[in-house]
Amino acid sequence: MRRDEVDQRALDGLRGLNAESGLSVLAELKGSSIQSVSNKSAYMCGIMKSLRQKAAAGLLAETTKRPGPDEAKLKVKCCLIWLFIELGSYLSWKFTMRSFPYLK
């Protein structure tokens, strides 16, 4: 779709959406075959209208962000993994030194 195929009303409607909804509209436009559509602006406005209706009916997924992983727990896990790796390296080194005393 080219810029000259869309009128100002459709562009204003797209600008009025939040980022997630706007990307949803653009993805639907990209996924559809619109070469045979004579009024691409009206088609785009129809997509935005159905999106607003779904949002009003509560059919869309929540747009609130889910909480991410707890950073403190991730740091502890990373430290434990590092500790086990280092401990494993140290123990294998000690085992090697005991098995081959001439390497000391």
PDB file of N, CA and C in Angstrom:
ATOM      1  N   MET A   1       0.852  -1.172   0.000  1.00  0.00           N
ATOM      2  CA  MET A   1       0.000   0.000   0.000  1.00  0.00           C
ATOM      3  C   MET A   1       0.897   1.233   0.000  1.00  0.00           C
ATOM      4  N   ARG A   2       0.557   2.163  -0.841  1.00  0.00           N
ATOM      5  CA  ARG A   2       1.324   3.399  -0.925  1.00  0.00           C
ATOM      6  C   ARG A   2       0.644   4.501  -0.116  1.00  0.00           C
ATOM      7  N   ARG A   3       1.385   5.510   0.192  1.00  0.00           N
ATOM      8  CA  ARG A   3       0.892   6.643   0.991  1.00  0.00           C
ATOM      9  C   ARG A   3      -0.248   7.356   0.272  1.00  0.00           C
ATOM     10  N   ASP A   4      -0.172   7.465  -1.041  1.00  0.00           N
ATOM     11  CA  ASP A   4      -1.216   8.188  -1.780  1.00  0.00           C
ATOM     12  C   ASP A   4      -2.517   7.403  -1.909  1.00  0.00           C
ATOM     13  N   GLU A   5      -2.531   6.138  -1.487  1.00  0.00           N
ATOM     14  CA  GLU A   5      -3.745   5.333  -1.535  1.00  0.00           C
ATOM     15  C   GLU A   5      -4.593   5.470  -0.272  1.00  0.00           C
ATOM     16  N   VAL A   6      -4.067   6.181   0.719  1.00  0.00           N
ATOM     17  CA  VAL A   6      -4.763   6.321   2.000  1.00  0.00           C
ATOM     18  C   VAL A   6      -5.047   7.799   2.242  1.00  0.00           C
ATOM     19  N   ASP A   7      -6.281   8.108   2.639  1.00  0.00           N
ATOM     20  CA  ASP A   7      -6.616   9.507   2.889  1.00  0.00           C
ATOM     21  C   ASP A   7      -6.260   9.909   4.328  1.00  0.00           C
ATOM     22  N   GLN A   8      -6.402  11.199   4.586  1.00  0.00           N
ATOM     23  CA  GLN A   8      -6.008  11.755   5.884  1.00  0.00           C
ATOM     24  C   GLN A   8      -6.851  11.197   7.028  1.00  0.00           C
ATOM     25  N   ARG A   9      -8.109  10.916   6.774  1.00  0.00           N
ATOM     26  CA  ARG A   9      -9.001  10.380   7.819  1.00  0.00           C
ATOM     27  C   ARG A   9      -8.491   9.029   8.331  1.00  0.00           C
ATOM     28  N   ALA A  10      -8.039   8.180   7.418  1.00  0.00           N
ATOM     29  CA  ALA A  10      -7.527   6.874   7.816  1.00  0.00           C
ATOM     30  C   ALA A  10      -6.217   7.022   8.579  1.00  0.00           C
ATOM     31  N   LEU A  11      -5.372   7.935   8.133  1.00  0.00           N
ATOM     32  CA  LEU A  11      -4.101   8.159   8.831  1.00  0.00           C
ATOM     33  C   LEU A  11      -4.322   8.718  10.229  1.00  0.00           C
ATOM     34  N   ASP A  12      -5.283   9.640  10.359  1.00  0.00           N
ATOM     35  CA  ASP A  12      -5.598  10.188  11.680  1.00  0.00           C
ATOM     36  C   ASP A  12      -6.143   9.102  12.607  1.00  0.00           C
ATOM     37  N   GLY A  13      -6.962   8.219  12.056  1.00  0.00           N
ATOM     38  CA  GLY A  13      -7.480   7.113  12.853  1.00  0.00           C
ATOM     39  C   GLY A  13      -6.372   6.192  13.323  1.00  0.00           C
ATOM     40  N   LEU A  14      -5.401   5.952  12.456  1.00  0.00           N
ATOM     41  CA  LEU A  14      -4.268   5.101  12.828  1.00  0.00           C
ATOM     42  C   LEU A  14      -3.406   5.768  13.890  1.00  0.00           C
ATOM     43  N   ARG A  15      -3.217   7.075  13.758  1.00  0.00           N
ATOM     44  CA  ARG A  15      -2.436   7.813  14.761  1.00  0.00           C
ATOM     45  C   ARG A  15      -3.131   7.834  16.123  1.00  0.00           C
ATOM     46  N   GLY A  16      -4.461   7.745  16.121  1.00  0.00           N
ATOM     47  CA  GLY A  16      -5.214   7.789  17.376  1.00  0.00           C
ATOM     48  C   GLY A  16      -5.163   6.479  18.160  1.00  0.00           C
ATOM     49  N   LEU A  17      -4.645   5.431  17.559  1.00  0.00           N
ATOM     50  CA  LEU A  17      -4.563   4.140  18.251  1.00  0.00           C
ATOM     51  C   LEU A  17      -3.291   4.065  19.076  1.00  0.00           C
ATOM     52  N   ASN A  18      -3.316   3.183  20.075  1.00  0.00           N
ATOM     53  CA  ASN A  18      -2.066   2.949  20.798  1.00  0.00           C
ATOM     54  C   ASN A  18      -1.146   2.126  19.901  1.00  0.00           C
ATOM     55  N   ALA A  19       0.100   1.987  20.296  1.00  0.00           N
ATOM     56  CA  ALA A  19       1.099   1.339  19.450  1.00  0.00           C
ATOM     57  C   ALA A  19       0.736  -0.106  19.139  1.00  0.00           C
ATOM     58  N   GLU A  20       0.263  -0.832  20.133  1.00  0.00           N
ATOM     59  CA  GLU A  20      -0.071  -2.245  19.940  1.00  0.00           C
ATOM     60  C   GLU A  20      -1.222  -2.412  18.950  1.00  0.00           C
ATOM     61  N   SER A  21      -2.246  -1.588  19.089  1.00  0.00           N
ATOM     62  CA  SER A  21      -3.387  -1.659  18.174  1.00  0.00           C
ATOM     63  C   SER A  21      -2.995  -1.222  16.766  1.00  0.00           C
ATOM     64  N   GLY A  22      -2.168  -0.195  16.686  1.00  0.00           N
ATOM     65  CA  GLY A  22      -1.704   0.269  15.382  1.00  0.00           C
ATOM     66  C   GLY A  22      -0.911  -0.797  14.648  1.00  0.00           C
ATOM     67  N   LEU A  23      -0.050  -1.485  15.377  1.00  0.00           N
ATOM     68  CA  LEU A  23       0.711  -2.570  14.765  1.00  0.00           C
ATOM     69  C   LEU A  23      -0.199  -3.715  14.348  1.00  0.00           C
ATOM     70  N   SER A  24      -1.243  -3.940  15.120  1.00  0.00           N
ATOM     71  CA  SER A  24      -2.203  -4.982  14.775  1.00  0.00           C
ATOM     72  C   SER A  24      -2.922  -4.651  13.474  1.00  0.00           C
ATOM     73  N   VAL A  25      -3.310  -3.401  13.320  1.00  0.00           N
ATOM     74  CA  VAL A  25      -3.974  -2.965  12.080  1.00  0.00           C
ATOM     75  C   VAL A  25      -3.025  -3.124  10.898  1.00  0.00           C
ATOM     76  N   LEU A  26      -1.786  -2.666  11.055  1.00  0.00           N
ATOM     77  CA  LEU A  26      -0.829  -2.758   9.962  1.00  0.00           C
ATOM     78  C   LEU A  26      -0.505  -4.206   9.621  1.00  0.00           C
ATOM     79  N   ALA A  27      -0.437  -5.065  10.625  1.00  0.00           N
ATOM     80  CA  ALA A  27      -0.172  -6.482  10.367  1.00  0.00           C
ATOM     81  C   ALA A  27      -1.324  -7.120   9.598  1.00  0.00           C
ATOM     82  N   GLU A  28      -2.546  -6.740   9.961  1.00  0.00           N
ATOM     83  CA  GLU A  28      -3.701  -7.277   9.237  1.00  0.00           C
ATOM     84  C   GLU A  28      -3.728  -6.775   7.801  1.00  0.00           C
ATOM     85  N   LEU A  29      -3.351  -5.514   7.597  1.00  0.00           N
ATOM     86  CA  LEU A  29      -3.274  -4.983   6.237  1.00  0.00           C
ATOM     87  C   LEU A  29      -2.209  -5.711   5.423  1.00  0.00           C
ATOM     88  N   LYS A  30      -1.081  -5.962   6.051  1.00  0.00           N
ATOM     89  CA  LYS A  30       0.014  -6.636   5.363  1.00  0.00           C
ATOM     90  C   LYS A  30      -0.361  -8.078   5.023  1.00  0.00           C
ATOM     91  N   GLY A  31      -1.107  -8.710   5.905  1.00  0.00           N
ATOM     92  CA  GLY A  31      -1.488 -10.094   5.701  1.00  0.00           C
ATOM     93  C   GLY A  31      -2.630 -10.299   4.726  1.00  0.00           C
ATOM     94  N   SER A  32      -3.354  -9.246   4.382  1.00  0.00           N
ATOM     95  CA  SER A  32      -4.496  -9.403   3.479  1.00  0.00           C
ATOM     96  C   SER A  32      -4.110  -9.020   2.059  1.00  0.00           C
ATOM     97  N   SER A  33      -4.860  -9.545   1.152  1.00  0.00           N
ATOM     98  CA  SER A  33      -4.656  -9.232  -0.264  1.00  0.00           C
ATOM     99  C   SER A  33      -5.538  -8.038  -0.610  1.00  0.00           C
ATOM    100  N   ILE A  34      -4.944  -6.859  -0.663  1.00  0.00           N
ATOM    101  CA  ILE A  34      -5.734  -5.638  -0.859  1.00  0.00           C
ATOM    102  C   ILE A  34      -5.565  -5.045  -2.255  1.00  0.00           C
ATOM    103  N   GLN A  35      -4.963  -5.792  -3.173  1.00  0.00           N
ATOM    104  CA  GLN A  35      -4.782  -5.266  -4.522  1.00  0.00           C
ATOM    105  C   GLN A  35      -6.129  -5.018  -5.205  1.00  0.00           C
ATOM    106  N   SER A  36      -7.105  -5.856  -4.897  1.00  0.00           N
ATOM    107  CA  SER A  36      -8.412  -5.708  -5.547  1.00  0.00           C
ATOM    108  C   SER A  36      -9.340  -4.744  -4.805  1.00  0.00           C
ATOM    109  N   VAL A  37      -8.917  -4.226  -3.662  1.00  0.00           N
ATOM    110  CA  VAL A  37      -9.744  -3.292  -2.893  1.00  0.00           C
ATOM    111  C   VAL A  37      -9.675  -1.920  -3.556  1.00  0.00           C
ATOM    112  N   SER A  38     -10.833  -1.366  -3.867  1.00  0.00           N
ATOM    113  CA  SER A  38     -10.836  -0.073  -4.559  1.00  0.00           C
ATOM    114  C   SER A  38     -10.634   1.096  -3.596  1.00  0.00           C
ATOM    115  N   ASN A  39     -11.202   1.012  -2.371  1.00  0.00           N
ATOM    116  CA  ASN A  39     -11.065   2.097  -1.409  1.00  0.00           C
ATOM    117  C   ASN A  39     -10.276   1.571  -0.202  1.00  0.00           C
ATOM    118  N   LYS A  40      -8.973   1.702  -0.298  1.00  0.00           N
ATOM    119  CA  LYS A  40      -8.090   1.159   0.743  1.00  0.00           C
ATOM    120  C   LYS A  40      -8.244   1.899   2.072  1.00  0.00           C
ATOM    121  N   SER A  41      -8.570   3.181   2.013  1.00  0.00           N
ATOM    122  CA  SER A  41      -8.794   3.957   3.238  1.00  0.00           C
ATOM    123  C   SER A  41      -9.999   3.419   4.012  1.00  0.00           C
ATOM    124  N   ALA A  42     -11.068   3.159   3.287  1.00  0.00           N
ATOM    125  CA  ALA A  42     -12.269   2.626   3.934  1.00  0.00           C
ATOM    126  C   ALA A  42     -12.004   1.233   4.498  1.00  0.00           C
ATOM    127  N   TYR A  43     -11.221   0.449   3.776  1.00  0.00           N
ATOM    128  CA  TYR A  43     -10.870  -0.887   4.253  1.00  0.00           C
ATOM    129  C   TYR A  43     -10.074  -0.794   5.553  1.00  0.00           C
ATOM    130  N   MET A  44      -9.111   0.128   5.596  1.00  0.00           N
ATOM    131  CA  MET A  44      -8.306   0.326   6.797  1.00  0.00           C
ATOM    132  C   MET A  44      -9.165   0.839   7.951  1.00  0.00           C
ATOM    133  N   CYS A  45     -10.073   1.758   7.667  1.00  0.00           N
ATOM    134  CA  CYS A  45     -10.972   2.257   8.712  1.00  0.00           C
ATOM    135  C   CYS A  45     -11.878   1.141   9.224  1.00  0.00           C
ATOM    136  N   GLY A  46     -12.282   0.224   8.357  1.00  0.00           N
ATOM    137  CA  GLY A  46     -13.089  -0.913   8.783  1.00  0.00           C
ATOM    138  C   GLY A  46     -12.320  -1.823   9.731  1.00  0.00           C
ATOM    139  N   ILE A  47     -11.051  -2.033   9.451  1.00  0.00           N
ATOM    140  CA  ILE A  47     -10.225  -2.837  10.358  1.00  0.00           C
ATOM    141  C   ILE A  47     -10.122  -2.156  11.720  1.00  0.00           C
ATOM    142  N   MET A  48      -9.900  -0.832  11.706  1.00  0.00           N
ATOM    143  CA  MET A  48      -9.793  -0.098  12.973  1.00  0.00           C
ATOM    144  C   MET A  48     -11.116  -0.126  13.735  1.00  0.00           C
ATOM    145  N   LYS A  49     -12.226  -0.028  13.022  1.00  0.00           N
ATOM    146  CA  LYS A  49     -13.544  -0.054  13.668  1.00  0.00           C
ATOM    147  C   LYS A  49     -13.785  -1.403  14.327  1.00  0.00           C
ATOM    148  N   SER A  50     -13.478  -2.492  13.619  1.00  0.00           N
ATOM    149  CA  SER A  50     -13.690  -3.820  14.219  1.00  0.00           C
ATOM    150  C   SER A  50     -12.767  -4.028  15.411  1.00  0.00           C
ATOM    151  N   LEU A  51     -11.571  -3.464  15.346  1.00  0.00           N
ATOM    152  CA  LEU A  51     -10.643  -3.561  16.481  1.00  0.00           C
ATOM    153  C   LEU A  51     -11.191  -2.820  17.689  1.00  0.00           C
ATOM    154  N   ARG A  52     -11.740  -1.620  17.465  1.00  0.00           N
ATOM    155  CA  ARG A  52     -12.327  -0.855  18.574  1.00  0.00           C
ATOM    156  C   ARG A  52     -13.543  -1.573  19.152  1.00  0.00           C
ATOM    157  N   GLN A  53     -14.351  -2.184  18.301  1.00  0.00           N
ATOM    158  CA  GLN A  53     -15.530  -2.911  18.775  1.00  0.00           C
ATOM    159  C   GLN A  53     -15.128  -4.128  19.609  1.00  0.00           C
ATOM    160  N   LYS A  54     -14.099  -4.834  19.170  1.00  0.00           N
ATOM    161  CA  LYS A  54     -13.614  -5.977  19.948  1.00  0.00           C
ATOM    162  C   LYS A  54     -13.072  -5.523  21.296  1.00  0.00           C
ATOM    163  N   ALA A  55     -12.374  -4.397  21.291  1.00  0.00           N
ATOM    164  CA  ALA A  55     -11.828  -3.876  22.548  1.00  0.00           C
ATOM    165  C   ALA A  55     -12.948  -3.466  23.491  1.00  0.00           C
ATOM    166  N   ALA A  56     -13.985  -2.860  22.941  1.00  0.00           N
ATOM    167  CA  ALA A  56     -15.115  -2.436  23.770  1.00  0.00           C
ATOM    168  C   ALA A  56     -15.864  -3.642  24.335  1.00  0.00           C
ATOM    169  N   ALA A  57     -15.919  -4.719  23.556  1.00  0.00           N
ATOM    170  CA  ALA A  57     -16.615  -5.921  24.023  1.00  0.00           C
ATOM    171  C   ALA A  57     -15.743  -6.756  24.955  1.00  0.00           C
ATOM    172  N   GLY A  58     -14.484  -6.370  25.088  1.00  0.00           N
ATOM    173  CA  GLY A  58     -13.581  -7.110  25.970  1.00  0.00           C
ATOM    174  C   GLY A  58     -13.057  -8.396  25.353  1.00  0.00           C
ATOM    175  N   LEU A  59     -13.101  -8.481  24.029  1.00  0.00           N
ATOM    176  CA  LEU A  59     -12.637  -9.696  23.358  1.00  0.00           C
ATOM    177  C   LEU A  59     -11.135  -9.707  23.123  1.00  0.00           C
ATOM    178  N   LEU A  60     -10.507  -8.553  23.219  1.00  0.00           N
ATOM    179  CA  LEU A  60      -9.063  -8.502  23.008  1.00  0.00           C
ATOM    180  C   LEU A  60      -8.334  -8.839  24.295  1.00  0.00           C
ATOM    181  N   ALA A  61      -7.155  -9.341  24.140  1.00  0.00           N
ATOM    182  CA  ALA A  61      -6.338  -9.681  25.309  1.00  0.00           C
ATOM    183  C   ALA A  61      -5.974  -8.401  26.049  1.00  0.00           C
ATOM    184  N   GLU A  62      -5.689  -8.569  27.303  1.00  0.00           N
ATOM    185  CA  GLU A  62      -5.280  -7.423  28.108  1.00  0.00           C
ATOM    186  C   GLU A  62      -4.031  -6.796  27.517  1.00  0.00           C
ATOM    187  N   THR A  63      -4.011  -5.482  27.469  1.00  0.00           N
ATOM    188  CA  THR A  63      -2.846  -4.797  26.923  1.00  0.00           C
ATOM    189  C   THR A  63      -1.872  -4.391  28.020  1.00  0.00           C
ATOM    190  N   THR A  64      -2.216  -4.685  29.259  1.00  0.00           N
ATOM    191  CA  THR A  64      -1.294  -4.358  30.333  1.00  0.00           C
ATOM    192  C   THR A  64      -0.130  -5.322  30.298  1.00  0.00           C
ATOM    193  N   LYS A  65       1.006  -4.812  30.682  1.00  0.00           N
ATOM    194  CA  LYS A  65       2.203  -5.633  30.676  1.00  0.00           C
ATOM    195  C   LYS A  65       2.160  -6.623  31.841  1.00  0.00           C
ATOM    196  N   ARG A  66       2.584  -7.811  31.545  1.00  0.00           N
ATOM    197  CA  ARG A  66       2.740  -8.793  32.602  1.00  0.00           C
ATOM    198  C   ARG A  66       4.049  -8.514  33.301  1.00  0.00           C
ATOM    199  N   PRO A  67       4.091  -8.765  34.580  1.00  0.00           N
ATOM    200  CA  PRO A  67       5.361  -8.528  35.270  1.00  0.00           C
ATOM    201  C   PRO A  67       6.420  -9.499  34.762  1.00  0.00           C
ATOM    202  N   GLY A  68       7.611  -8.991  34.590  1.00  0.00           N
ATOM    203  CA  GLY A  68       8.722  -9.813  34.122  1.00  0.00           C
ATOM    204  C   GLY A  68       9.317 -10.616  35.264  1.00  0.00           C
ATOM    205  N   PRO A  69      10.396 -11.291  34.983  1.00  0.00           N
ATOM    206  CA  PRO A  69      11.034 -12.089  36.022  1.00  0.00           C
ATOM    207  C   PRO A  69      11.635 -11.194  37.098  1.00  0.00           C
ATOM    208  N   ASP A  70      11.704 -11.713  38.293  1.00  0.00           N
ATOM    209  CA  ASP A  70      12.268 -10.977  39.410  1.00  0.00           C
ATOM    210  C   ASP A  70      13.788 -10.904  39.228  1.00  0.00           C
ATOM    211  N   GLU A  71      14.312  -9.695  39.125  1.00  0.00           N
ATOM    212  CA  GLU A  71      15.739  -9.512  38.856  1.00  0.00           C
ATOM    213  C   GLU A  71      16.605 -10.067  39.977  1.00  0.00           C
ATOM    214  N   ALA A  72      16.165  -9.932  41.213  1.00  0.00           N
ATOM    215  CA  ALA A  72      16.952 -10.436  42.334  1.00  0.00           C
ATOM    216  C   ALA A  72      17.086 -11.957  42.252  1.00  0.00           C
ATOM    217  N   LYS A  73      15.986 -12.635  41.904  1.00  0.00           N
ATOM    218  CA  LYS A  73      16.048 -14.093  41.775  1.00  0.00           C
ATOM    219  C   LYS A  73      16.946 -14.504  40.612  1.00  0.00           C
ATOM    220  N   LEU A  74      16.884 -13.743  39.526  1.00  0.00           N
ATOM    221  CA  LEU A  74      17.750 -14.053  38.394  1.00  0.00           C
ATOM    222  C   LEU A  74      19.219 -13.902  38.749  1.00  0.00           C
ATOM    223  N   LYS A  75      19.541 -12.852  39.515  1.00  0.00           N
ATOM    224  CA  LYS A  75      20.932 -12.643  39.929  1.00  0.00           C
ATOM    225  C   LYS A  75      21.405 -13.778  40.818  1.00  0.00           C
ATOM    226  N   VAL A  76      20.542 -14.215  41.733  1.00  0.00           N
ATOM    227  CA  VAL A  76      20.906 -15.323  42.621  1.00  0.00           C
ATOM    228  C   VAL A  76      21.135 -16.587  41.792  1.00  0.00           C
ATOM    229  N   LYS A  77      20.242 -16.868  40.839  1.00  0.00           N
ATOM    230  CA  LYS A  77      20.400 -18.059  40.003  1.00  0.00           C
ATOM    231  C   LYS A  77      21.690 -17.992  39.201  1.00  0.00           C
ATOM    232  N   CYS A  78      21.986 -16.825  38.639  1.00  0.00           N
ATOM    233  CA  CYS A  78      23.225 -16.678  37.866  1.00  0.00           C
ATOM    234  C   CYS A  78      24.451 -16.877  38.746  1.00  0.00           C
ATOM    235  N   CYS A  79      24.406 -16.336  39.945  1.00  0.00           N
ATOM    236  CA  CYS A  79      25.531 -16.508  40.872  1.00  0.00           C
ATOM    237  C   CYS A  79      25.701 -17.977  41.252  1.00  0.00           C
ATOM    238  N   LEU A  80      24.600 -18.678  41.505  1.00  0.00           N
ATOM    239  CA  LEU A  80      24.683 -20.095  41.845  1.00  0.00           C
ATOM    240  C   LEU A  80      25.238 -20.913  40.681  1.00  0.00           C
ATOM    241  N   ILE A  81      24.796 -20.612  39.480  1.00  0.00           N
ATOM    242  CA  ILE A  81      25.302 -21.326  38.313  1.00  0.00           C
ATOM    243  C   ILE A  81      26.802 -21.083  38.165  1.00  0.00           C
ATOM    244  N   TRP A  82      27.199 -19.823  38.299  1.00  0.00           N
ATOM    245  CA  TRP A  82      28.616 -19.494  38.210  1.00  0.00           C
ATOM    246  C   TRP A  82      29.405 -20.221  39.286  1.00  0.00           C
ATOM    247  N   LEU A  83      28.868 -20.257  40.508  1.00  0.00           N
ATOM    248  CA  LEU A  83      29.542 -20.923  41.614  1.00  0.00           C
ATOM    249  C   LEU A  83      29.711 -22.413  41.334  1.00  0.00           C
ATOM    250  N   PHE A  84      28.655 -23.055  40.827  1.00  0.00           N
ATOM    251  CA  PHE A  84      28.750 -24.485  40.511  1.00  0.00           C
ATOM    252  C   PHE A  84      29.754 -24.745  39.397  1.00  0.00           C
ATOM    253  N   ILE A  85      29.808 -23.853  38.409  1.00  0.00           N
ATOM    254  CA  ILE A  85      30.776 -24.019  37.331  1.00  0.00           C
ATOM    255  C   ILE A  85      32.190 -23.879  37.870  1.00  0.00           C
ATOM    256  N   GLU A  86      32.409 -22.854  38.674  1.00  0.00           N
ATOM    257  CA  GLU A  86      33.737 -22.640  39.250  1.00  0.00           C
ATOM    258  C   GLU A  86      34.123 -23.780  40.183  1.00  0.00           C
ATOM    259  N   LEU A  87      33.175 -24.222  40.996  1.00  0.00           N
ATOM    260  CA  LEU A  87      33.446 -25.314  41.913  1.00  0.00           C
ATOM    261  C   LEU A  87      33.755 -26.594  41.146  1.00  0.00           C
ATOM    262  N   GLY A  88      32.996 -26.829  40.092  1.00  0.00           N
ATOM    263  CA  GLY A  88      33.252 -27.999  39.262  1.00  0.00           C
ATOM    264  C   GLY A  88      34.623 -27.943  38.614  1.00  0.00           C
ATOM    265  N   SER A  89      35.019 -26.761  38.140  1.00  0.00           N
ATOM    266  CA  SER A  89      36.346 -26.601  37.544  1.00  0.00           C
ATOM    267  C   SER A  89      37.426 -26.842  38.591  1.00  0.00           C
ATOM    268  N   TYR A  90      37.224 -26.309  39.785  1.00  0.00           N
ATOM    269  CA  TYR A  90      38.207 -26.465  40.849  1.00  0.00           C
ATOM    270  C   TYR A  90      38.328 -27.926  41.250  1.00  0.00           C
ATOM    271  N   LEU A  91      37.180 -28.596  41.415  1.00  0.00           N
ATOM    272  CA  LEU A  91      37.223 -30.002  41.824  1.00  0.00           C
ATOM    273  C   LEU A  91      37.865 -30.874  40.749  1.00  0.00           C
ATOM    274  N   SER A  92      37.571 -30.597  39.481  1.00  0.00           N
ATOM    275  CA  SER A  92      38.193 -31.395  38.429  1.00  0.00           C
ATOM    276  C   SER A  92      39.691 -31.131  38.384  1.00  0.00           C
ATOM    277  N   TRP A  93      40.110 -29.904  38.676  1.00  0.00           N
ATOM    278  CA  TRP A  93      41.538 -29.578  38.724  1.00  0.00           C
ATOM    279  C   TRP A  93      42.201 -30.317  39.873  1.00  0.00           C
ATOM    280  N   LYS A  94      41.547 -30.315  41.051  1.00  0.00           N
ATOM    281  CA  LYS A  94      42.089 -31.026  42.215  1.00  0.00           C
ATOM    282  C   LYS A  94      42.183 -32.520  41.925  1.00  0.00           C
ATOM    283  N   PHE A  95      41.164 -33.076  41.287  1.00  0.00           N
ATOM    284  CA  PHE A  95      41.177 -34.493  40.957  1.00  0.00           C
ATOM    285  C   PHE A  95      42.333 -34.789  40.007  1.00  0.00           C
ATOM    286  N   THR A  96      42.546 -33.908  39.049  1.00  0.00           N
ATOM    287  CA  THR A  96      43.642 -34.096  38.099  1.00  0.00           C
ATOM    288  C   THR A  96      44.977 -34.042  38.824  1.00  0.00           C
ATOM    289  N   MET A  97      45.128 -33.126  39.773  1.00  0.00           N
ATOM    290  CA  MET A  97      46.368 -32.993  40.504  1.00  0.00           C
ATOM    291  C   MET A  97      46.631 -34.234  41.377  1.00  0.00           C
ATOM    292  N   ARG A  98      45.554 -34.794  41.961  1.00  0.00           N
ATOM    293  CA  ARG A  98      45.728 -35.995  42.779  1.00  0.00           C
ATOM    294  C   ARG A  98      46.048 -37.212  41.903  1.00  0.00           C
ATOM    295  N   SER A  99      45.428 -37.260  40.750  1.00  0.00           N
ATOM    296  CA  SER A  99      45.636 -38.407  39.869  1.00  0.00           C
ATOM    297  C   SER A  99      47.003 -38.374  39.212  1.00  0.00           C
ATOM    298  N   PHE A 100      47.486 -37.177  38.957  1.00  0.00           N
ATOM    299  CA  PHE A 100      48.779 -37.030  38.275  1.00  0.00           C
ATOM    300  C   PHE A 100      49.687 -36.112  39.105  1.00  0.00           C
ATOM    301  N   PRO A 101      50.275 -36.609  40.174  1.00  0.00           N
ATOM    302  CA  PRO A 101      51.076 -35.735  41.052  1.00  0.00           C
ATOM    303  C   PRO A 101      52.271 -35.125  40.359  1.00  0.00           C
ATOM    304  N   TYR A 102      52.735 -35.697  39.296  1.00  0.00           N
ATOM    305  CA  TYR A 102      53.903 -35.139  38.634  1.00  0.00           C
ATOM    306  C   TYR A 102      53.591 -33.837  37.877  1.00  0.00           C
ATOM    307  N   LEU A 103      52.278 -33.476  37.782  1.00  0.00           N
ATOM    308  CA  LEU A 103      51.897 -32.223  37.136  1.00  0.00           C
ATOM    309  C   LEU A 103      52.060 -31.011  38.051  1.00  0.00           C
ATOM    310  N   LYS A 104      52.266 -31.246  39.349  1.00  0.00           N
ATOM    311  CA  LYS A 104      52.347 -30.125  40.307  1.00  0.00           C
ATOM    312  C   LYS A 104      53.508 -29.262  40.044  1.00  0.00           C
TER     313      LYS A 104
END
